[in-house]
Amino acid sequence: TRAEISGTVVGATPAEVQRLARLAAKLKSRYFAQALDLTSTEHGPISEADIRYLERSRFMYEEVERALDSLRHAIQIGDLALEGLKRD
C-alpha cells in the first residue's frame, strides 16, 4: 500500500489537508442548512426532489469526510508523509 500511495500521490501538505477539512465542514454545514430549510413555513410540502437534493448533499459531505478520515489514517500509519514535517 505504501509503495502504491507514494507512486500515485505526488505529495500532501498540511495546507492541503486543512483545505480538505474545511471543504468537509462546508459541505456538512450546507447539508444541515438544506435539511433545516425543509422546515421553513414558506417551503410548503416536501417533495421527492427535495429529498433527492438533500440525499445528494449528504452523500457529498460523507464522501469528502470519508476521504479526509482515510487520509488522516494513511498519515498516522505512515503510508503517506506530509511534506515539510519530520517524523518523531
N, C-alpha and C. Protein backbone atom coordinates (compact mmCIF):
# COMPACT_ATOMS: atom_id res chain seq x y z
N THR A 1 0.82 -1.19 0.00
CA THR A 1 0.00 0.00 0.00
C THR A 1 0.87 1.25 0.00
N ARG A 2 1.87 1.25 0.86
CA ARG A 2 2.74 2.43 0.97
C ARG A 2 3.40 2.76 -0.36
N ALA A 3 3.88 1.75 -1.07
CA ALA A 3 4.55 1.97 -2.36
C ALA A 3 3.56 2.50 -3.39
N GLU A 4 2.37 1.94 -3.41
CA GLU A 4 1.35 2.41 -4.36
C GLU A 4 0.96 3.86 -4.09
N ILE A 5 0.78 4.18 -2.81
CA ILE A 5 0.40 5.56 -2.45
C ILE A 5 1.52 6.52 -2.84
N SER A 6 2.76 6.18 -2.50
CA SER A 6 3.86 7.09 -2.82
C SER A 6 4.07 7.21 -4.32
N GLY A 7 3.70 6.19 -5.08
CA GLY A 7 3.80 6.25 -6.53
C GLY A 7 2.66 7.00 -7.19
N THR A 8 1.57 7.16 -6.46
CA THR A 8 0.40 7.82 -7.02
C THR A 8 0.20 9.24 -6.50
N VAL A 9 0.37 9.41 -5.20
CA VAL A 9 0.18 10.72 -4.58
C VAL A 9 1.51 11.47 -4.65
N VAL A 10 1.51 12.58 -5.36
CA VAL A 10 2.74 13.33 -5.54
C VAL A 10 3.25 13.85 -4.21
N GLY A 11 2.37 14.31 -3.38
CA GLY A 11 2.74 14.81 -2.07
C GLY A 11 1.52 15.40 -1.40
N ALA A 12 1.57 15.45 -0.11
CA ALA A 12 0.47 16.05 0.65
C ALA A 12 1.08 17.06 1.60
N THR A 13 0.50 18.23 1.61
CA THR A 13 0.98 19.26 2.51
C THR A 13 -0.05 19.49 3.61
N PRO A 14 0.39 20.02 4.75
CA PRO A 14 -0.57 20.35 5.80
C PRO A 14 -1.67 21.30 5.30
N ALA A 15 -1.31 22.22 4.42
CA ALA A 15 -2.30 23.16 3.89
C ALA A 15 -3.37 22.43 3.07
N GLU A 16 -2.97 21.42 2.31
CA GLU A 16 -3.95 20.65 1.52
C GLU A 16 -4.90 19.88 2.43
N VAL A 17 -4.35 19.29 3.48
CA VAL A 17 -5.19 18.55 4.42
C VAL A 17 -6.16 19.50 5.11
N GLN A 18 -5.68 20.66 5.46
CA GLN A 18 -6.54 21.66 6.10
C GLN A 18 -7.65 22.12 5.14
N ARG A 19 -7.33 22.31 3.88
CA ARG A 19 -8.35 22.71 2.89
C ARG A 19 -9.40 21.61 2.72
N LEU A 20 -8.95 20.36 2.75
CA LEU A 20 -9.90 19.24 2.65
C LEU A 20 -10.81 19.21 3.87
N ALA A 21 -10.26 19.47 5.05
CA ALA A 21 -11.07 19.51 6.27
C ALA A 21 -12.10 20.65 6.21
N ARG A 22 -11.68 21.78 5.69
CA ARG A 22 -12.61 22.91 5.55
C ARG A 22 -13.71 22.61 4.54
N LEU A 23 -13.35 21.93 3.46
CA LEU A 23 -14.34 21.54 2.46
C LEU A 23 -15.37 20.59 3.07
N ALA A 24 -14.90 19.62 3.85
CA ALA A 24 -15.82 18.69 4.51
C ALA A 24 -16.77 19.44 5.44
N ALA A 25 -16.24 20.38 6.21
CA ALA A 25 -17.08 21.16 7.12
C ALA A 25 -18.08 22.02 6.36
N LYS A 26 -17.65 22.59 5.26
CA LYS A 26 -18.54 23.43 4.45
C LYS A 26 -19.68 22.60 3.85
N LEU A 27 -19.35 21.44 3.32
CA LEU A 27 -20.38 20.57 2.73
C LEU A 27 -21.36 20.08 3.80
N LYS A 28 -20.84 19.75 4.97
CA LYS A 28 -21.70 19.29 6.06
C LYS A 28 -22.65 20.40 6.51
N SER A 29 -22.14 21.61 6.61
CA SER A 29 -22.99 22.73 7.03
C SER A 29 -24.05 23.03 5.98
N ARG A 30 -23.72 22.88 4.70
CA ARG A 30 -24.73 23.07 3.65
C ARG A 30 -25.84 22.03 3.75
N TYR A 31 -25.44 20.79 4.05
CA TYR A 31 -26.42 19.71 4.23
C TYR A 31 -27.37 20.04 5.38
N PHE A 32 -26.82 20.47 6.51
CA PHE A 32 -27.66 20.84 7.64
C PHE A 32 -28.59 21.99 7.29
N ALA A 33 -28.07 22.98 6.58
CA ALA A 33 -28.89 24.14 6.19
C ALA A 33 -30.04 23.70 5.27
N GLN A 34 -29.75 22.81 4.35
CA GLN A 34 -30.80 22.32 3.45
C GLN A 34 -31.85 21.55 4.21
N ALA A 35 -31.44 20.75 5.17
CA ALA A 35 -32.40 19.99 5.98
C ALA A 35 -33.29 20.94 6.77
N LEU A 36 -32.68 21.96 7.35
CA LEU A 36 -33.47 22.91 8.13
C LEU A 36 -34.38 23.76 7.25
N ASP A 37 -33.97 24.01 6.01
CA ASP A 37 -34.82 24.75 5.08
C ASP A 37 -36.13 24.02 4.81
N LEU A 38 -36.12 22.70 4.92
CA LEU A 38 -37.35 21.93 4.69
C LEU A 38 -38.40 22.24 5.74
N THR A 39 -37.97 22.75 6.89
CA THR A 39 -38.92 23.03 7.97
C THR A 39 -39.49 24.44 7.89
N SER A 40 -39.03 25.22 6.94
CA SER A 40 -39.49 26.59 6.79
C SER A 40 -40.99 26.63 6.48
N THR A 41 -41.68 27.57 7.09
CA THR A 41 -43.12 27.70 6.84
C THR A 41 -43.39 28.13 5.40
N GLU A 42 -42.43 28.78 4.77
CA GLU A 42 -42.60 29.20 3.37
C GLU A 42 -42.31 28.07 2.38
N HIS A 43 -41.75 26.97 2.86
CA HIS A 43 -41.33 25.90 1.96
C HIS A 43 -42.50 25.14 1.35
N GLY A 44 -43.48 24.84 2.13
CA GLY A 44 -44.59 24.04 1.62
C GLY A 44 -44.30 22.56 1.78
N PRO A 45 -45.10 21.73 1.13
CA PRO A 45 -44.92 20.27 1.25
C PRO A 45 -43.56 19.82 0.73
N ILE A 46 -43.01 18.81 1.36
CA ILE A 46 -41.72 18.27 0.94
C ILE A 46 -41.94 17.36 -0.25
N SER A 47 -41.15 17.57 -1.28
CA SER A 47 -41.29 16.78 -2.50
C SER A 47 -40.17 15.75 -2.60
N GLU A 48 -40.33 14.83 -3.54
CA GLU A 48 -39.28 13.84 -3.78
C GLU A 48 -38.01 14.53 -4.25
N ALA A 49 -38.15 15.60 -5.01
CA ALA A 49 -36.98 16.35 -5.47
C ALA A 49 -36.22 16.95 -4.28
N ASP A 50 -36.94 17.43 -3.29
CA ASP A 50 -36.29 17.96 -2.08
C ASP A 50 -35.44 16.88 -1.42
N ILE A 51 -36.00 15.70 -1.31
CA ILE A 51 -35.29 14.59 -0.65
C ILE A 51 -34.09 14.16 -1.48
N ARG A 52 -34.23 14.11 -2.79
CA ARG A 52 -33.09 13.74 -3.65
C ARG A 52 -31.97 14.77 -3.52
N TYR A 53 -32.31 16.04 -3.46
CA TYR A 53 -31.32 17.10 -3.31
C TYR A 53 -30.63 16.98 -1.95
N LEU A 54 -31.41 16.70 -0.92
CA LEU A 54 -30.86 16.53 0.42
C LEU A 54 -29.95 15.30 0.47
N GLU A 55 -30.40 14.23 -0.15
CA GLU A 55 -29.60 13.00 -0.19
C GLU A 55 -28.28 13.23 -0.91
N ARG A 56 -28.32 13.95 -2.01
CA ARG A 56 -27.10 14.26 -2.77
C ARG A 56 -26.13 15.08 -1.91
N SER A 57 -26.66 16.03 -1.17
CA SER A 57 -25.82 16.85 -0.29
C SER A 57 -25.18 16.01 0.80
N ARG A 58 -25.94 15.08 1.37
CA ARG A 58 -25.40 14.19 2.40
C ARG A 58 -24.31 13.31 1.82
N PHE A 59 -24.54 12.77 0.66
CA PHE A 59 -23.55 11.92 0.01
C PHE A 59 -22.25 12.69 -0.22
N MET A 60 -22.37 13.92 -0.67
CA MET A 60 -21.19 14.72 -0.96
C MET A 60 -20.36 14.96 0.30
N TYR A 61 -21.02 15.37 1.39
CA TYR A 61 -20.24 15.63 2.60
C TYR A 61 -19.69 14.34 3.19
N GLU A 62 -20.46 13.25 3.15
CA GLU A 62 -19.98 11.99 3.71
C GLU A 62 -18.79 11.46 2.91
N GLU A 63 -18.82 11.64 1.61
CA GLU A 63 -17.73 11.14 0.78
C GLU A 63 -16.44 11.92 1.03
N VAL A 64 -16.55 13.23 1.15
CA VAL A 64 -15.36 14.04 1.42
C VAL A 64 -14.86 13.78 2.84
N GLU A 65 -15.78 13.61 3.78
CA GLU A 65 -15.40 13.29 5.15
C GLU A 65 -14.69 11.93 5.21
N ARG A 66 -15.17 10.97 4.46
CA ARG A 66 -14.54 9.65 4.40
C ARG A 66 -13.13 9.75 3.81
N ALA A 67 -12.99 10.56 2.77
CA ALA A 67 -11.66 10.76 2.18
C ALA A 67 -10.72 11.39 3.19
N LEU A 68 -11.20 12.36 3.94
CA LEU A 68 -10.37 13.01 4.95
C LEU A 68 -9.97 12.02 6.04
N ASP A 69 -10.90 11.21 6.49
CA ASP A 69 -10.59 10.19 7.50
C ASP A 69 -9.55 9.20 6.99
N SER A 70 -9.70 8.78 5.74
CA SER A 70 -8.75 7.84 5.15
C SER A 70 -7.37 8.47 5.00
N LEU A 71 -7.35 9.73 4.64
CA LEU A 71 -6.09 10.46 4.51
C LEU A 71 -5.40 10.57 5.87
N ARG A 72 -6.15 10.93 6.88
CA ARG A 72 -5.59 11.01 8.24
C ARG A 72 -5.02 9.67 8.68
N HIS A 73 -5.76 8.61 8.41
CA HIS A 73 -5.31 7.26 8.79
C HIS A 73 -4.01 6.91 8.06
N ALA A 74 -3.95 7.20 6.77
CA ALA A 74 -2.74 6.90 5.99
C ALA A 74 -1.54 7.67 6.54
N ILE A 75 -1.77 8.89 6.97
CA ILE A 75 -0.68 9.68 7.55
C ILE A 75 -0.26 9.09 8.90
N GLN A 76 -1.24 8.71 9.71
CA GLN A 76 -0.94 8.16 11.05
C GLN A 76 -0.13 6.87 10.98
N ILE A 77 -0.46 6.01 10.03
CA ILE A 77 0.24 4.72 9.97
C ILE A 77 1.50 4.77 9.11
N GLY A 78 1.78 5.93 8.53
CA GLY A 78 3.00 6.10 7.76
C GLY A 78 2.91 5.75 6.30
N ASP A 79 1.71 5.50 5.79
CA ASP A 79 1.56 5.22 4.36
C ASP A 79 1.71 6.48 3.52
N LEU A 80 1.51 7.62 4.13
CA LEU A 80 1.60 8.90 3.41
C LEU A 80 2.29 9.90 4.33
N ALA A 81 3.29 10.55 3.80
CA ALA A 81 4.01 11.54 4.59
C ALA A 81 3.52 12.93 4.23
N LEU A 82 3.46 13.78 5.24
CA LEU A 82 3.13 15.18 5.00
C LEU A 82 4.42 15.91 4.66
N GLU A 83 4.41 16.65 3.58
CA GLU A 83 5.61 17.39 3.18
C GLU A 83 5.90 18.49 4.20
N GLY A 84 7.15 18.66 4.51
CA GLY A 84 7.56 19.71 5.42
C GLY A 84 7.51 19.32 6.89
N LEU A 85 7.08 18.10 7.19
CA LEU A 85 7.04 17.65 8.58
C LEU A 85 8.02 16.50 8.77
N LYS A 86 8.64 16.46 9.93
CA LYS A 86 9.56 15.37 10.25
C LYS A 86 8.85 14.39 11.17
N ARG A 87 9.12 13.11 10.97
CA ARG A 87 8.57 12.07 11.87
C ARG A 87 9.37 12.02 13.14
N ASP A 88 8.69 11.75 14.26
CA ASP A 88 9.36 11.62 15.55
C ASP A 88 10.09 10.31 15.66
